[in-house]
Amino acid sequence: MLTVKTTDRYATTWTASMDLTGLSVELRAARGGEEHRVLPHVVTDAVNGIVTHVLEGTLPAGIYLVELVVNPGLPSQVSIPTDSFEQLRVIEGV
């Protein structure tokens, strides 16, 4: 679990277990049963599956379930991790 503060502004990285070259990727996060939101992100190392999201101090406090959703070709879709979620804990900053 990655823990950040609501006021943090820095890059976080998320890793897919596949080469993302030429693929469509979304970084999704959902908090407490809310509908997921797509976090702004950039694929920074496609071959190694690295995606970067820069915290902008805009996520409300809470625990988010995070996944990378990769679309290798319509209509297929792969959610990573495949058997669970990564967790992002956002706590109140000062």
C-alpha atoms as a PDB file:
ATOM      1  CA  MET A   1       0.000   0.000   0.000  1.00  0.00           C
ATOM      2  CA  LEU A   2       1.304   3.422  -0.972  1.00  0.00           C
ATOM      3  CA  THR A   3       0.473   6.176   1.535  1.00  0.00           C
ATOM      4  CA  VAL A   4       0.445   9.838   0.484  1.00  0.00           C
ATOM      5  CA  LYS A   5      -0.984  13.080   1.878  1.00  0.00           C
ATOM      6  CA  THR A   6      -3.754  15.140   0.305  1.00  0.00           C
ATOM      7  CA  THR A   7      -1.239  17.954  -0.187  1.00  0.00           C
ATOM      8  CA  ASP A   8       1.481  15.841  -1.864  1.00  0.00           C
ATOM      9  CA  ARG A   9       2.685  16.769  -5.324  1.00  0.00           C
ATOM     10  CA  TYR A  10       5.130  14.253  -6.785  1.00  0.00           C
ATOM     11  CA  ALA A  11       5.314  11.369  -9.252  1.00  0.00           C
ATOM     12  CA  THR A  12       4.151   7.865  -8.342  1.00  0.00           C
ATOM     13  CA  THR A  13       4.787   4.810 -10.488  1.00  0.00           C
ATOM     14  CA  TRP A  14       2.600   1.810 -11.205  1.00  0.00           C
ATOM     15  CA  THR A  15       3.820  -1.303 -12.977  1.00  0.00           C
ATOM     16  CA  ALA A  16       2.032  -3.629 -15.371  1.00  0.00           C
ATOM     17  CA  SER A  17       3.346  -7.130 -15.879  1.00  0.00           C
ATOM     18  CA  MET A  18       3.454  -6.689 -19.643  1.00  0.00           C
ATOM     19  CA  ASP A  19       4.919  -4.634 -22.466  1.00  0.00           C
ATOM     20  CA  LEU A  20       2.605  -1.655 -23.021  1.00  0.00           C
ATOM     21  CA  THR A  21       4.083  -0.573 -26.354  1.00  0.00           C
ATOM     22  CA  GLY A  22       1.266   0.630 -28.622  1.00  0.00           C
ATOM     23  CA  LEU A  23      -1.471  -0.271 -26.124  1.00  0.00           C
ATOM     24  CA  SER A  24      -4.203   1.872 -24.624  1.00  0.00           C
ATOM     25  CA  VAL A  25      -3.812   2.160 -20.832  1.00  0.00           C
ATOM     26  CA  GLU A  26      -5.990   3.656 -18.085  1.00  0.00           C
ATOM     27  CA  LEU A  27      -4.959   4.107 -14.447  1.00  0.00           C
ATOM     28  CA  ARG A  28      -8.197   3.710 -12.493  1.00  0.00           C
ATOM     29  CA  ALA A  29      -8.843   4.386  -8.814  1.00  0.00           C
ATOM     30  CA  ALA A  30     -12.011   3.906  -6.761  1.00  0.00           C
ATOM     31  CA  ARG A  31     -12.694   4.889  -3.161  1.00  0.00           C
ATOM     32  CA  GLY A  32     -15.244   3.292  -0.842  1.00  0.00           C
ATOM     33  CA  GLY A  33     -17.691   1.963  -3.405  1.00  0.00           C
ATOM     34  CA  GLU A  34     -17.620   5.131  -5.523  1.00  0.00           C
ATOM     35  CA  GLU A  35     -17.407   4.857  -9.286  1.00  0.00           C
ATOM     36  CA  HIS A  36     -13.804   4.705 -10.470  1.00  0.00           C
ATOM     37  CA  ARG A  37     -11.978   7.753 -11.717  1.00  0.00           C
ATOM     38  CA  VAL A  38      -9.269   7.689 -14.355  1.00  0.00           C
ATOM     39  CA  LEU A  39      -6.131   9.292 -12.952  1.00  0.00           C
ATOM     40  CA  PRO A  40      -3.995  11.384 -15.294  1.00  0.00           C
ATOM     41  CA  HIS A  41      -0.965   9.324 -16.247  1.00  0.00           C
ATOM     42  CA  VAL A  42       1.809   8.772 -18.761  1.00  0.00           C
ATOM     43  CA  VAL A  43       3.354   5.501 -19.892  1.00  0.00           C
ATOM     44  CA  THR A  44       6.968   6.344 -19.057  1.00  0.00           C
ATOM     45  CA  ASP A  45       8.585   2.986 -19.912  1.00  0.00           C
ATOM     46  CA  ALA A  46       6.340   0.966 -22.205  1.00  0.00           C
ATOM     47  CA  VAL A  47       8.652  -2.044 -22.580  1.00  0.00           C
ATOM     48  CA  ASN A  48       8.823  -2.534 -18.797  1.00  0.00           C
ATOM     49  CA  GLY A  49       5.164  -1.633 -18.196  1.00  0.00           C
ATOM     50  CA  ILE A  50       5.828   1.515 -16.136  1.00  0.00           C
ATOM     51  CA  VAL A  51       3.065   4.116 -15.786  1.00  0.00           C
ATOM     52  CA  THR A  52       3.562   7.413 -13.930  1.00  0.00           C
ATOM     53  CA  HIS A  53       0.885   9.463 -12.175  1.00  0.00           C
ATOM     54  CA  VAL A  54       1.806  12.853 -10.745  1.00  0.00           C
ATOM     55  CA  LEU A  55      -0.014  13.694  -7.530  1.00  0.00           C
ATOM     56  CA  GLU A  56      -1.495  17.172  -7.745  1.00  0.00           C
ATOM     57  CA  GLY A  57      -2.954  17.491  -4.265  1.00  0.00           C
ATOM     58  CA  THR A  58      -6.478  16.911  -5.550  1.00  0.00           C
ATOM     59  CA  LEU A  59      -7.364  13.404  -4.314  1.00  0.00           C
ATOM     60  CA  PRO A  60      -9.642  13.440  -1.267  1.00  0.00           C
ATOM     61  CA  ALA A  61      -8.557  11.402   1.749  1.00  0.00           C
ATOM     62  CA  GLY A  62      -9.455   7.727   1.730  1.00  0.00           C
ATOM     63  CA  ILE A  63      -8.283   4.315   0.607  1.00  0.00           C
ATOM     64  CA  TYR A  64      -8.391   3.794  -3.141  1.00  0.00           C
ATOM     65  CA  LEU A  65      -8.340   0.520  -5.035  1.00  0.00           C
ATOM     66  CA  VAL A  66      -6.084   1.060  -8.039  1.00  0.00           C
ATOM     67  CA  GLU A  67      -5.671  -0.914 -11.244  1.00  0.00           C
ATOM     68  CA  LEU A  68      -4.192  -0.511 -14.694  1.00  0.00           C
ATOM     69  CA  VAL A  69      -6.664  -1.361 -17.430  1.00  0.00           C
ATOM     70  CA  VAL A  70      -4.944  -2.297 -20.675  1.00  0.00           C
ATOM     71  CA  ASN A  71      -6.736  -2.634 -23.999  1.00  0.00           C
ATOM     72  CA  PRO A  72      -4.548  -4.763 -26.262  1.00  0.00           C
ATOM     73  CA  GLY A  73      -7.261  -4.750 -28.913  1.00  0.00           C
ATOM     74  CA  LEU A  74     -11.000  -4.391 -28.958  1.00  0.00           C
ATOM     75  CA  PRO A  75     -12.981  -6.030 -27.480  1.00  0.00           C
ATOM     76  CA  SER A  76     -10.394  -7.499 -25.081  1.00  0.00           C
ATOM     77  CA  GLN A  77      -9.319  -5.789 -21.863  1.00  0.00           C
ATOM     78  CA  VAL A  78      -6.857  -6.788 -19.144  1.00  0.00           C
ATOM     79  CA  SER A  79      -6.955  -5.472 -15.569  1.00  0.00           C
ATOM     80  CA  ILE A  80      -3.629  -5.460 -13.714  1.00  0.00           C
ATOM     81  CA  PRO A  81      -3.212  -6.831 -11.157  1.00  0.00           C
ATOM     82  CA  THR A  82      -5.479  -9.607 -12.387  1.00  0.00           C
ATOM     83  CA  ASP A  83      -6.420 -11.075  -9.004  1.00  0.00           C
ATOM     84  CA  SER A  84      -6.731  -8.032  -6.708  1.00  0.00           C
ATOM     85  CA  PHE A  85      -6.051  -4.285  -6.601  1.00  0.00           C
ATOM     86  CA  GLU A  86      -3.148  -2.104  -5.591  1.00  0.00           C
ATOM     87  CA  GLN A  87      -4.038   0.230  -2.727  1.00  0.00           C
ATOM     88  CA  LEU A  88      -3.402   3.944  -2.432  1.00  0.00           C
ATOM     89  CA  ARG A  89      -4.048   5.480   0.990  1.00  0.00           C
ATOM     90  CA  VAL A  90      -4.500   9.251   0.998  1.00  0.00           C
ATOM     91  CA  ILE A  91      -4.349  10.878   4.431  1.00  0.00           C
ATOM     92  CA  GLU A  92      -5.018  14.500   5.359  1.00  0.00           C
ATOM     93  CA  GLY A  93      -2.035  16.779   4.888  1.00  0.00           C
ATOM     94  CA  VAL A  94      -1.391  20.066   6.631  1.00  0.00           C
END
